[in-house]
Amino acid sequence: MPAPTNTQFSLAVHVLTLLGGQAPALVSSDFLSASAGTSPEHVRRVLAPLRRAGLVRSRPGPSGGWQLDGAGRETTLGDIWRAVHGDAGVLGVHAAAPECSVGNGSRARSRTSSGARSTRSSPSSISRRWASSSPTRAP
Protein backbone atom coordinates (compact mmCIF):
# COMPACT_ATOMS: atom_id res chain seq x y z
CA MET A 1 0.00 0.00 0.00
CA PRO A 2 1.44 3.39 -0.93
CA ALA A 3 2.19 5.86 1.82
CA PRO A 4 -0.31 8.70 2.25
CA THR A 5 0.76 11.93 0.63
CA ASN A 6 -0.88 14.22 3.20
CA THR A 7 0.56 13.55 6.62
CA GLN A 8 -0.76 16.62 8.43
CA PHE A 9 -3.39 14.76 10.44
CA SER A 10 -1.02 11.98 11.56
CA LEU A 11 1.66 14.54 12.41
CA ALA A 12 -0.89 16.55 14.40
CA VAL A 13 -1.89 13.46 16.40
CA HIS A 14 1.80 12.62 16.93
CA VAL A 15 2.79 16.06 18.24
CA LEU A 16 -0.33 16.44 20.41
CA THR A 17 0.35 13.06 21.99
CA LEU A 18 3.96 14.04 22.59
CA LEU A 19 2.94 17.41 24.06
CA GLY A 20 0.49 15.63 26.36
CA GLY A 21 3.30 13.42 27.64
CA GLN A 22 5.56 16.42 28.25
CA ALA A 23 2.92 18.66 29.89
CA PRO A 24 3.17 21.23 31.26
CA ALA A 25 6.67 21.80 29.84
CA LEU A 26 7.22 23.87 26.71
CA VAL A 27 8.49 21.69 23.85
CA SER A 28 10.56 23.11 20.99
CA SER A 29 9.73 22.67 17.31
CA ASP A 30 13.14 21.06 16.92
CA PHE A 31 12.32 18.42 19.54
CA LEU A 32 8.90 17.74 17.98
CA SER A 33 10.34 17.52 14.47
CA ALA A 34 13.11 15.14 15.55
CA SER A 35 10.53 12.88 17.15
CA ALA A 36 8.32 12.89 14.05
CA GLY A 37 11.14 12.66 11.52
CA THR A 38 10.25 15.87 9.68
CA SER A 39 11.39 19.48 9.55
CA PRO A 40 10.68 22.05 12.25
CA GLU A 41 9.03 24.23 9.57
CA HIS A 42 6.56 21.46 8.67
CA VAL A 43 5.78 20.92 12.36
CA ARG A 44 5.07 24.64 12.79
CA ARG A 45 2.80 24.64 9.69
CA VAL A 46 0.78 21.80 11.22
CA LEU A 47 0.73 23.39 14.69
CA ALA A 48 -0.55 26.74 13.37
CA PRO A 49 -4.14 25.55 12.75
CA LEU A 50 -4.06 23.62 16.03
CA ARG A 51 -3.20 26.89 17.78
CA ARG A 52 -6.05 28.69 15.98
CA ALA A 53 -8.39 25.91 17.15
CA GLY A 54 -7.24 26.39 20.76
CA LEU A 55 -5.61 22.96 21.06
CA VAL A 56 -2.06 24.24 21.60
CA ARG A 57 -0.34 27.46 22.55
CA SER A 58 3.15 28.69 21.87
CA ARG A 59 5.66 31.00 23.43
CA PRO A 60 8.17 32.58 21.03
CA GLY A 61 11.85 33.02 21.71
CA PRO A 62 14.86 30.93 22.65
CA SER A 63 13.23 29.56 25.80
CA GLY A 64 9.83 29.22 24.15
CA GLY A 65 8.05 26.26 22.68
CA TRP A 66 4.67 24.55 22.37
CA GLN A 67 2.29 23.07 24.93
CA LEU A 68 -1.27 21.80 25.09
CA ASP A 69 -3.95 24.39 25.61
CA GLY A 70 -7.48 23.86 26.79
CA ALA A 71 -9.08 20.48 27.32
CA GLY A 72 -6.07 18.23 26.64
CA ARG A 73 -7.48 14.78 27.43
CA GLU A 74 -10.91 15.84 26.21
CA THR A 75 -9.64 16.50 22.67
CA THR A 76 -11.06 14.05 20.13
CA LEU A 77 -9.69 12.84 16.82
CA GLY A 78 -12.55 14.78 15.24
CA ASP A 79 -11.34 17.99 16.91
CA ILE A 80 -7.87 17.40 15.48
CA TRP A 81 -9.20 16.52 12.02
CA ARG A 82 -11.37 19.66 11.91
CA ALA A 83 -8.43 21.84 13.00
CA VAL A 84 -6.21 20.42 10.25
CA HIS A 85 -8.68 19.67 7.41
CA GLY A 86 -11.91 21.49 8.24
CA ASP A 87 -15.04 19.52 7.47
CA ALA A 88 -13.48 17.45 4.67
CA GLY A 89 -14.66 13.85 4.73
CA VAL A 90 -12.56 11.47 6.75
CA LEU A 91 -12.97 8.12 5.02
CA GLY A 92 -13.49 9.26 1.44
CA VAL A 93 -10.20 7.72 0.29
CA HIS A 94 -11.51 4.15 0.22
CA ALA A 95 -14.78 2.30 0.15
CA ALA A 96 -15.51 -0.43 2.67
CA ALA A 97 -16.85 -3.82 1.71
CA PRO A 98 -20.67 -3.83 2.04
CA GLU A 99 -20.56 -6.61 4.66
CA CYS A 100 -17.93 -4.84 6.82
CA SER A 101 -19.47 -3.69 10.11
CA VAL A 102 -16.62 -1.23 10.73
CA GLY A 103 -16.85 0.40 7.31
CA ASN A 104 -20.63 0.47 7.34
CA GLY A 105 -20.73 1.72 10.91
CA SER A 106 -18.54 4.70 10.09
CA ARG A 107 -20.26 5.69 6.85
CA ALA A 108 -22.17 8.90 6.83
CA ARG A 109 -25.88 8.22 6.47
CA SER A 110 -26.30 10.65 3.63
CA ARG A 111 -26.84 10.24 -0.06
CA THR A 112 -25.16 12.06 -2.90
CA SER A 113 -27.11 14.03 -5.49
CA SER A 114 -27.26 10.89 -7.64
CA GLY A 115 -28.86 8.95 -4.75
CA ALA A 116 -25.79 6.79 -4.07
CA ARG A 117 -24.81 6.29 -0.46
CA SER A 118 -21.78 8.34 0.55
CA THR A 119 -18.70 6.60 1.96
CA ARG A 120 -17.39 9.79 3.53
CA SER A 121 -17.66 10.11 7.28
CA SER A 122 -17.87 13.43 8.99
CA PRO A 123 -15.29 14.35 11.63
CA SER A 124 -18.01 14.55 14.29
CA SER A 125 -19.25 11.03 13.56
CA ILE A 126 -15.69 9.73 13.83
CA SER A 127 -15.26 11.49 17.20
CA ARG A 128 -18.41 9.92 18.60
CA ARG A 129 -17.68 6.47 17.23
CA TRP A 130 -14.01 6.47 18.24
CA ALA A 131 -14.73 7.68 21.74
CA SER A 132 -17.60 5.25 22.26
CA SER A 133 -15.71 2.30 20.80
CA SER A 134 -12.48 2.82 22.72
CA PRO A 135 -12.05 -0.09 25.16
CA THR A 136 -10.68 2.12 27.92
CA ARG A 137 -10.22 5.80 28.48
CA ALA A 138 -7.40 7.53 30.27
CA PRO A 139 -8.27 8.59 33.84
C-alpha atoms as a PDB file:
ATOM      1  CA  MET A   1       0.000   0.000   0.000  1.00  0.00           C
ATOM      2  CA  PRO A   2       1.441   3.392  -0.929  1.00  0.00           C
ATOM      3  CA  ALA A   3       2.190   5.861   1.816  1.00  0.00           C
ATOM      4  CA  PRO A   4      -0.313   8.702   2.247  1.00  0.00           C
ATOM      5  CA  THR A   5       0.755  11.933   0.627  1.00  0.00           C
ATOM      6  CA  ASN A   6      -0.885  14.222   3.195  1.00  0.00           C
ATOM      7  CA  THR A   7       0.562  13.545   6.617  1.00  0.00           C
ATOM      8  CA  GLN A   8      -0.760  16.622   8.426  1.00  0.00           C
ATOM      9  CA  PHE A   9      -3.386  14.755  10.439  1.00  0.00           C
ATOM     10  CA  SER A  10      -1.024  11.978  11.558  1.00  0.00           C
ATOM     11  CA  LEU A  11       1.658  14.542  12.409  1.00  0.00           C
ATOM     12  CA  ALA A  12      -0.893  16.554  14.395  1.00  0.00           C
ATOM     13  CA  VAL A  13      -1.888  13.456  16.396  1.00  0.00           C
ATOM     14  CA  HIS A  14       1.801  12.624  16.935  1.00  0.00           C
ATOM     15  CA  VAL A  15       2.787  16.056  18.243  1.00  0.00           C
ATOM     16  CA  LEU A  16      -0.332  16.443  20.409  1.00  0.00           C
ATOM     17  CA  THR A  17       0.351  13.064  21.991  1.00  0.00           C
ATOM     18  CA  LEU A  18       3.964  14.044  22.590  1.00  0.00           C
ATOM     19  CA  LEU A  19       2.939  17.411  24.056  1.00  0.00           C
ATOM     20  CA  GLY A  20       0.490  15.629  26.358  1.00  0.00           C
ATOM     21  CA  GLY A  21       3.298  13.424  27.638  1.00  0.00           C
ATOM     22  CA  GLN A  22       5.559  16.423  28.246  1.00  0.00           C
ATOM     23  CA  ALA A  23       2.922  18.663  29.889  1.00  0.00           C
ATOM     24  CA  PRO A  24       3.172  21.235  31.256  1.00  0.00           C
ATOM     25  CA  ALA A  25       6.671  21.798  29.840  1.00  0.00           C
ATOM     26  CA  LEU A  26       7.224  23.868  26.709  1.00  0.00           C
ATOM     27  CA  VAL A  27       8.494  21.689  23.854  1.00  0.00           C
ATOM     28  CA  SER A  28      10.556  23.107  20.991  1.00  0.00           C
ATOM     29  CA  SER A  29       9.725  22.671  17.308  1.00  0.00           C
ATOM     30  CA  ASP A  30      13.143  21.059  16.923  1.00  0.00           C
ATOM     31  CA  PHE A  31      12.315  18.418  19.539  1.00  0.00           C
ATOM     32  CA  LEU A  32       8.900  17.744  17.982  1.00  0.00           C
ATOM     33  CA  SER A  33      10.341  17.517  14.474  1.00  0.00           C
ATOM     34  CA  ALA A  34      13.110  15.140  15.550  1.00  0.00           C
ATOM     35  CA  SER A  35      10.532  12.876  17.146  1.00  0.00           C
ATOM     36  CA  ALA A  36       8.316  12.895  14.049  1.00  0.00           C
ATOM     37  CA  GLY A  37      11.137  12.663  11.517  1.00  0.00           C
ATOM     38  CA  THR A  38      10.252  15.869   9.680  1.00  0.00           C
ATOM     39  CA  SER A  39      11.393  19.477   9.546  1.00  0.00           C
ATOM     40  CA  PRO A  40      10.675  22.053  12.251  1.00  0.00           C
ATOM     41  CA  GLU A  41       9.026  24.234   9.575  1.00  0.00           C
ATOM     42  CA  HIS A  42       6.562  21.462   8.668  1.00  0.00           C
ATOM     43  CA  VAL A  43       5.778  20.919  12.363  1.00  0.00           C
ATOM     44  CA  ARG A  44       5.067  24.639  12.790  1.00  0.00           C
ATOM     45  CA  ARG A  45       2.802  24.641   9.692  1.00  0.00           C
ATOM     46  CA  VAL A  46       0.784  21.798  11.222  1.00  0.00           C
ATOM     47  CA  LEU A  47       0.733  23.386  14.685  1.00  0.00           C
ATOM     48  CA  ALA A  48      -0.554  26.745  13.370  1.00  0.00           C
ATOM     49  CA  PRO A  49      -4.145  25.548  12.747  1.00  0.00           C
ATOM     50  CA  LEU A  50      -4.056  23.618  16.030  1.00  0.00           C
ATOM     51  CA  ARG A  51      -3.201  26.885  17.775  1.00  0.00           C
ATOM     52  CA  ARG A  52      -6.052  28.695  15.979  1.00  0.00           C
ATOM     53  CA  ALA A  53      -8.394  25.912  17.152  1.00  0.00           C
ATOM     54  CA  GLY A  54      -7.245  26.387  20.759  1.00  0.00           C
ATOM     55  CA  LEU A  55      -5.614  22.959  21.056  1.00  0.00           C
ATOM     56  CA  VAL A  56      -2.056  24.238  21.595  1.00  0.00           C
ATOM     57  CA  ARG A  57      -0.340  27.460  22.549  1.00  0.00           C
ATOM     58  CA  SER A  58       3.148  28.689  21.868  1.00  0.00           C
ATOM     59  CA  ARG A  59       5.661  31.003  23.425  1.00  0.00           C
ATOM     60  CA  PRO A  60       8.168  32.580  21.029  1.00  0.00           C
ATOM     61  CA  GLY A  61      11.848  33.017  21.710  1.00  0.00           C
ATOM     62  CA  PRO A  62      14.860  30.929  22.647  1.00  0.00           C
ATOM     63  CA  SER A  63      13.229  29.560  25.803  1.00  0.00           C
ATOM     64  CA  GLY A  64       9.831  29.224  24.147  1.00  0.00           C
ATOM     65  CA  GLY A  65       8.050  26.264  22.677  1.00  0.00           C
ATOM     66  CA  TRP A  66       4.672  24.551  22.372  1.00  0.00           C
ATOM     67  CA  GLN A  67       2.292  23.075  24.929  1.00  0.00           C
ATOM     68  CA  LEU A  68      -1.266  21.796  25.095  1.00  0.00           C
ATOM     69  CA  ASP A  69      -3.952  24.389  25.614  1.00  0.00           C
ATOM     70  CA  GLY A  70      -7.477  23.857  26.792  1.00  0.00           C
ATOM     71  CA  ALA A  71      -9.078  20.480  27.318  1.00  0.00           C
ATOM     72  CA  GLY A  72      -6.071  18.229  26.638  1.00  0.00           C
ATOM     73  CA  ARG A  73      -7.475  14.777  27.434  1.00  0.00           C
ATOM     74  CA  GLU A  74     -10.907  15.836  26.207  1.00  0.00           C
ATOM     75  CA  THR A  75      -9.638  16.501  22.666  1.00  0.00           C
ATOM     76  CA  THR A  76     -11.056  14.047  20.135  1.00  0.00           C
ATOM     77  CA  LEU A  77      -9.689  12.840  16.817  1.00  0.00           C
ATOM     78  CA  GLY A  78     -12.548  14.775  15.242  1.00  0.00           C
ATOM     79  CA  ASP A  79     -11.337  17.991  16.907  1.00  0.00           C
ATOM     80  CA  ILE A  80      -7.872  17.399  15.485  1.00  0.00           C
ATOM     81  CA  TRP A  81      -9.199  16.518  12.015  1.00  0.00           C
ATOM     82  CA  ARG A  82     -11.372  19.665  11.908  1.00  0.00           C
ATOM     83  CA  ALA A  83      -8.435  21.836  12.996  1.00  0.00           C
ATOM     84  CA  VAL A  84      -6.213  20.422  10.249  1.00  0.00           C
ATOM     85  CA  HIS A  85      -8.677  19.668   7.409  1.00  0.00           C
ATOM     86  CA  GLY A  86     -11.907  21.492   8.242  1.00  0.00           C
ATOM     87  CA  ASP A  87     -15.042  19.518   7.468  1.00  0.00           C
ATOM     88  CA  ALA A  88     -13.481  17.450   4.675  1.00  0.00           C
ATOM     89  CA  GLY A  89     -14.660  13.846   4.728  1.00  0.00           C
ATOM     90  CA  VAL A  90     -12.556  11.465   6.753  1.00  0.00           C
ATOM     91  CA  LEU A  91     -12.968   8.121   5.017  1.00  0.00           C
ATOM     92  CA  GLY A  92     -13.485   9.263   1.442  1.00  0.00           C
ATOM     93  CA  VAL A  93     -10.201   7.724   0.288  1.00  0.00           C
ATOM     94  CA  HIS A  94     -11.514   4.154   0.217  1.00  0.00           C
ATOM     95  CA  ALA A  95     -14.781   2.304   0.151  1.00  0.00           C
ATOM     96  CA  ALA A  96     -15.507  -0.427   2.675  1.00  0.00           C
ATOM     97  CA  ALA A  97     -16.851  -3.824   1.710  1.00  0.00           C
ATOM     98  CA  PRO A  98     -20.668  -3.834   2.044  1.00  0.00           C
ATOM     99  CA  GLU A  99     -20.564  -6.606   4.662  1.00  0.00           C
ATOM    100  CA  CYS A 100     -17.932  -4.844   6.823  1.00  0.00           C
ATOM    101  CA  SER A 101     -19.467  -3.686  10.113  1.00  0.00           C
ATOM    102  CA  VAL A 102     -16.619  -1.230  10.727  1.00  0.00           C
ATOM    103  CA  GLY A 103     -16.854   0.402   7.312  1.00  0.00           C
ATOM    104  CA  ASN A 104     -20.633   0.470   7.336  1.00  0.00           C
ATOM    105  CA  GLY A 105     -20.731   1.722  10.912  1.00  0.00           C
ATOM    106  CA  SER A 106     -18.541   4.703  10.087  1.00  0.00           C
ATOM    107  CA  ARG A 107     -20.261   5.692   6.850  1.00  0.00           C
ATOM    108  CA  ALA A 108     -22.168   8.900   6.829  1.00  0.00           C
ATOM    109  CA  ARG A 109     -25.884   8.218   6.467  1.00  0.00           C
ATOM    110  CA  SER A 110     -26.297  10.649   3.631  1.00  0.00           C
ATOM    111  CA  ARG A 111     -26.841  10.236  -0.063  1.00  0.00           C
ATOM    112  CA  THR A 112     -25.158  12.058  -2.902  1.00  0.00           C
ATOM    113  CA  SER A 113     -27.115  14.033  -5.485  1.00  0.00           C
ATOM    114  CA  SER A 114     -27.265  10.889  -7.639  1.00  0.00           C
ATOM    115  CA  GLY A 115     -28.856   8.953  -4.754  1.00  0.00           C
ATOM    116  CA  ALA A 116     -25.786   6.793  -4.074  1.00  0.00           C
ATOM    117  CA  ARG A 117     -24.808   6.287  -0.463  1.00  0.00           C
ATOM    118  CA  SER A 118     -21.785   8.345   0.546  1.00  0.00           C
ATOM    119  CA  THR A 119     -18.703   6.604   1.964  1.00  0.00           C
ATOM    120  CA  ARG A 120     -17.392   9.785   3.534  1.00  0.00           C
ATOM    121  CA  SER A 121     -17.658  10.108   7.281  1.00  0.00           C
ATOM    122  CA  SER A 122     -17.867  13.426   8.994  1.00  0.00           C
ATOM    123  CA  PRO A 123     -15.288  14.350  11.632  1.00  0.00           C
ATOM    124  CA  SER A 124     -18.012  14.554  14.291  1.00  0.00           C
ATOM    125  CA  SER A 125     -19.252  11.026  13.558  1.00  0.00           C
ATOM    126  CA  ILE A 126     -15.688   9.732  13.828  1.00  0.00           C
ATOM    127  CA  SER A 127     -15.264  11.494  17.199  1.00  0.00           C
ATOM    128  CA  ARG A 128     -18.408   9.922  18.599  1.00  0.00           C
ATOM    129  CA  ARG A 129     -17.679   6.474  17.234  1.00  0.00           C
ATOM    130  CA  TRP A 130     -14.012   6.471  18.241  1.00  0.00           C
ATOM    131  CA  ALA A 131     -14.728   7.682  21.743  1.00  0.00           C
ATOM    132  CA  SER A 132     -17.598   5.255  22.264  1.00  0.00           C
ATOM    133  CA  SER A 133     -15.715   2.299  20.795  1.00  0.00           C
ATOM    134  CA  SER A 134     -12.481   2.821  22.725  1.00  0.00           C
ATOM    135  CA  PRO A 135     -12.050  -0.088  25.159  1.00  0.00           C
ATOM    136  CA  THR A 136     -10.678   2.119  27.921  1.00  0.00           C
ATOM    137  CA  ARG A 137     -10.217   5.803  28.476  1.00  0.00           C
ATOM    138  CA  ALA A 138      -7.404   7.527  30.271  1.00  0.00           C
ATOM    139  CA  PRO A 139      -8.270   8.589  33.839  1.00  0.00           C
END
